PDB file of N, CA and C in Angstrom:
ATOM      1  N   MET A   1     -22.536 -16.256 -31.000  1.00  0.00           N
ATOM      2  CA  MET A   1     -22.054 -14.935 -30.577  1.00  0.00           C
ATOM      3  C   MET A   1     -22.951 -14.395 -29.461  1.00  0.00           C
ATOM      4  N   ASP A   2     -24.256 -14.478 -29.678  1.00  0.00           N
ATOM      5  CA  ASP A   2     -25.197 -13.999 -28.662  1.00  0.00           C
ATOM      6  C   ASP A   2     -25.035 -14.783 -27.365  1.00  0.00           C
ATOM      7  N   PHE A   3     -24.800 -16.095 -27.504  1.00  0.00           N
ATOM      8  CA  PHE A   3     -24.630 -16.955 -26.329  1.00  0.00           C
ATOM      9  C   PHE A   3     -23.414 -16.512 -25.516  1.00  0.00           C
ATOM     10  N   HIS A   4     -22.332 -16.210 -26.196  1.00  0.00           N
ATOM     11  CA  HIS A   4     -21.118 -15.781 -25.500  1.00  0.00           C
ATOM     12  C   HIS A   4     -21.329 -14.456 -24.789  1.00  0.00           C
ATOM     13  N   ASN A   5     -22.030 -13.542 -25.450  1.00  0.00           N
ATOM     14  CA  ASN A   5     -22.297 -12.255 -24.820  1.00  0.00           C
ATOM     15  C   ASN A   5     -23.130 -12.430 -23.556  1.00  0.00           C
ATOM     16  N   ARG A   6     -24.111 -13.288 -23.614  1.00  0.00           N
ATOM     17  CA  ARG A   6     -24.964 -13.522 -22.458  1.00  0.00           C
ATOM     18  C   ARG A   6     -24.142 -14.124 -21.312  1.00  0.00           C
ATOM     19  N   PHE A   7     -23.242 -15.062 -21.666  1.00  0.00           N
ATOM     20  CA  PHE A   7     -22.390 -15.697 -20.655  1.00  0.00           C
ATOM     21  C   PHE A   7     -21.475 -14.664 -20.008  1.00  0.00           C
ATOM     22  N   ASP A   8     -20.864 -13.805 -20.814  1.00  0.00           N
ATOM     23  CA  ASP A   8     -19.995 -12.747 -20.286  1.00  0.00           C
ATOM     24  C   ASP A   8     -20.783 -11.818 -19.376  1.00  0.00           C
ATOM     25  N   ASN A   9     -21.996 -11.488 -19.765  1.00  0.00           N
ATOM     26  CA  ASN A   9     -22.822 -10.610 -18.940  1.00  0.00           C
ATOM     27  C   ASN A   9     -23.108 -11.245 -17.591  1.00  0.00           C
ATOM     28  N   GLN A  10     -23.438 -12.515 -17.579  1.00  0.00           N
ATOM     29  CA  GLN A  10     -23.690 -13.218 -16.316  1.00  0.00           C
ATOM     30  C   GLN A  10     -22.447 -13.194 -15.444  1.00  0.00           C
ATOM     31  N   LEU A  11     -21.297 -13.420 -16.054  1.00  0.00           N
ATOM     32  CA  LEU A  11     -20.033 -13.425 -15.321  1.00  0.00           C
ATOM     33  C   LEU A  11     -19.766 -12.048 -14.729  1.00  0.00           C
ATOM     34  N   ASN A  12     -19.957 -11.010 -15.523  1.00  0.00           N
ATOM     35  CA  ASN A  12     -19.725  -9.647 -15.041  1.00  0.00           C
ATOM     36  C   ASN A  12     -20.683  -9.287 -13.924  1.00  0.00           C
ATOM     37  N   ILE A  13     -21.921  -9.698 -14.042  1.00  0.00           N
ATOM     38  CA  ILE A  13     -22.906  -9.423 -12.988  1.00  0.00           C
ATOM     39  C   ILE A  13     -22.457 -10.086 -11.685  1.00  0.00           C
ATOM     40  N   ARG A  14     -22.014 -11.318 -11.763  1.00  0.00           N
ATOM     41  CA  ARG A  14     -21.573 -12.027 -10.556  1.00  0.00           C
ATOM     42  C   ARG A  14     -20.338 -11.384  -9.955  1.00  0.00           C
ATOM     43  N   ILE A  15     -19.376 -11.006 -10.820  1.00  0.00           N
ATOM     44  CA  ILE A  15     -18.153 -10.365 -10.323  1.00  0.00           C
ATOM     45  C   ILE A  15     -18.496  -9.034  -9.648  1.00  0.00           C
ATOM     46  N   ASN A  16     -19.356  -8.243 -10.293  1.00  0.00           N
ATOM     47  CA  ASN A  16     -19.748  -6.957  -9.717  1.00  0.00           C
ATOM     48  C   ASN A  16     -20.489  -7.146  -8.410  1.00  0.00           C
ATOM     49  N   PHE A  17     -21.361  -8.137  -8.344  1.00  0.00           N
ATOM     50  CA  PHE A  17     -22.107  -8.434  -7.123  1.00  0.00           C
ATOM     51  C   PHE A  17     -21.142  -8.781  -5.996  1.00  0.00           C
ATOM     52  N   TYR A  18     -20.144  -9.614  -6.309  1.00  0.00           N
ATOM     53  CA  TYR A  18     -19.156 -10.032  -5.314  1.00  0.00           C
ATOM     54  C   TYR A  18     -18.330  -8.839  -4.844  1.00  0.00           C
ATOM     55  N   LYS A  19     -17.913  -7.996  -5.791  1.00  0.00           N
ATOM     56  CA  LYS A  19     -17.132  -6.794  -5.437  1.00  0.00           C
ATOM     57  C   LYS A  19     -17.958  -5.869  -4.556  1.00  0.00           C
ATOM     58  N   ASN A  20     -19.223  -5.684  -4.903  1.00  0.00           N
ATOM     59  CA  ASN A  20     -20.097  -4.820  -4.108  1.00  0.00           C
ATOM     60  C   ASN A  20     -20.241  -5.354  -2.692  1.00  0.00           C
ATOM     61  N   LYS A  21     -20.395  -6.659  -2.548  1.00  0.00           N
ATOM     62  CA  LYS A  21     -20.515  -7.263  -1.216  1.00  0.00           C
ATOM     63  C   LYS A  21     -19.251  -7.010  -0.409  1.00  0.00           C
ATOM     64  N   GLN A  22     -18.099  -7.137  -1.035  1.00  0.00           N
ATOM     65  CA  GLN A  22     -16.839  -6.895  -0.330  1.00  0.00           C
ATOM     66  C   GLN A  22     -16.729  -5.426   0.064  1.00  0.00           C
ATOM     67  N   ASN A  23     -17.101  -4.522  -0.838  1.00  0.00           N
ATOM     68  CA  ASN A  23     -17.040  -3.091  -0.531  1.00  0.00           C
ATOM     69  C   ASN A  23     -17.952  -2.746   0.631  1.00  0.00           C
ATOM     70  N   ILE A  24     -19.136  -3.334   0.653  1.00  0.00           N
ATOM     71  CA  ILE A  24     -20.091  -3.070   1.735  1.00  0.00           C
ATOM     72  C   ILE A  24     -19.493  -3.526   3.064  1.00  0.00           C
ATOM     73  N   SER A  25     -18.904  -4.708   3.107  1.00  0.00           N
ATOM     74  CA  SER A  25     -18.345  -5.196   4.366  1.00  0.00           C
ATOM     75  C   SER A  25     -17.138  -4.361   4.786  1.00  0.00           C
ATOM     76  N   VAL A  26     -16.335  -3.901   3.832  1.00  0.00           N
ATOM     77  CA  VAL A  26     -15.201  -3.029   4.147  1.00  0.00           C
ATOM     78  C   VAL A  26     -15.716  -1.716   4.728  1.00  0.00           C
ATOM     79  N   ASN A  27     -16.729  -1.126   4.097  1.00  0.00           N
ATOM     80  CA  ASN A  27     -17.302   0.125   4.592  1.00  0.00           C
ATOM     81  C   ASN A  27     -17.900  -0.051   5.979  1.00  0.00           C
ATOM     82  N   ALA A  28     -18.545  -1.179   6.214  1.00  0.00           N
ATOM     83  CA  ALA A  28     -19.139  -1.449   7.526  1.00  0.00           C
ATOM     84  C   ALA A  28     -18.045  -1.521   8.588  1.00  0.00           C
ATOM     85  N   ASN A  29     -16.922  -2.123   8.246  1.00  0.00           N
ATOM     86  CA  ASN A  29     -15.820  -2.223   9.206  1.00  0.00           C
ATOM     87  C   ASN A  29     -15.221  -0.858   9.505  1.00  0.00           C
ATOM     88  N   ILE A  30     -15.132   0.002   8.499  1.00  0.00           N
ATOM     89  CA  ILE A  30     -14.578   1.344   8.700  1.00  0.00           C
ATOM     90  C   ILE A  30     -15.500   2.172   9.603  1.00  0.00           C
ATOM     91  N   LYS A  31     -16.804   2.031   9.425  1.00  0.00           N
ATOM     92  CA  LYS A  31     -17.771   2.833  10.181  1.00  0.00           C
ATOM     93  C   LYS A  31     -17.825   2.460  11.657  1.00  0.00           C
ATOM     94  N   LYS A  32     -17.444   1.219  11.991  1.00  0.00           N
ATOM     95  CA  LYS A  32     -17.547   0.758  13.388  1.00  0.00           C
ATOM     96  C   LYS A  32     -16.652   1.578  14.314  1.00  0.00           C
TER      97      LYS A  32
END
């Protein structure tokens, strides 16, 4: 159970990181 939770957390961290990177690039394009 603990192993699965840790795996889900890693997945969520990566997804959030990827979303944040996309948001940053979108915001950068809007500001130009």
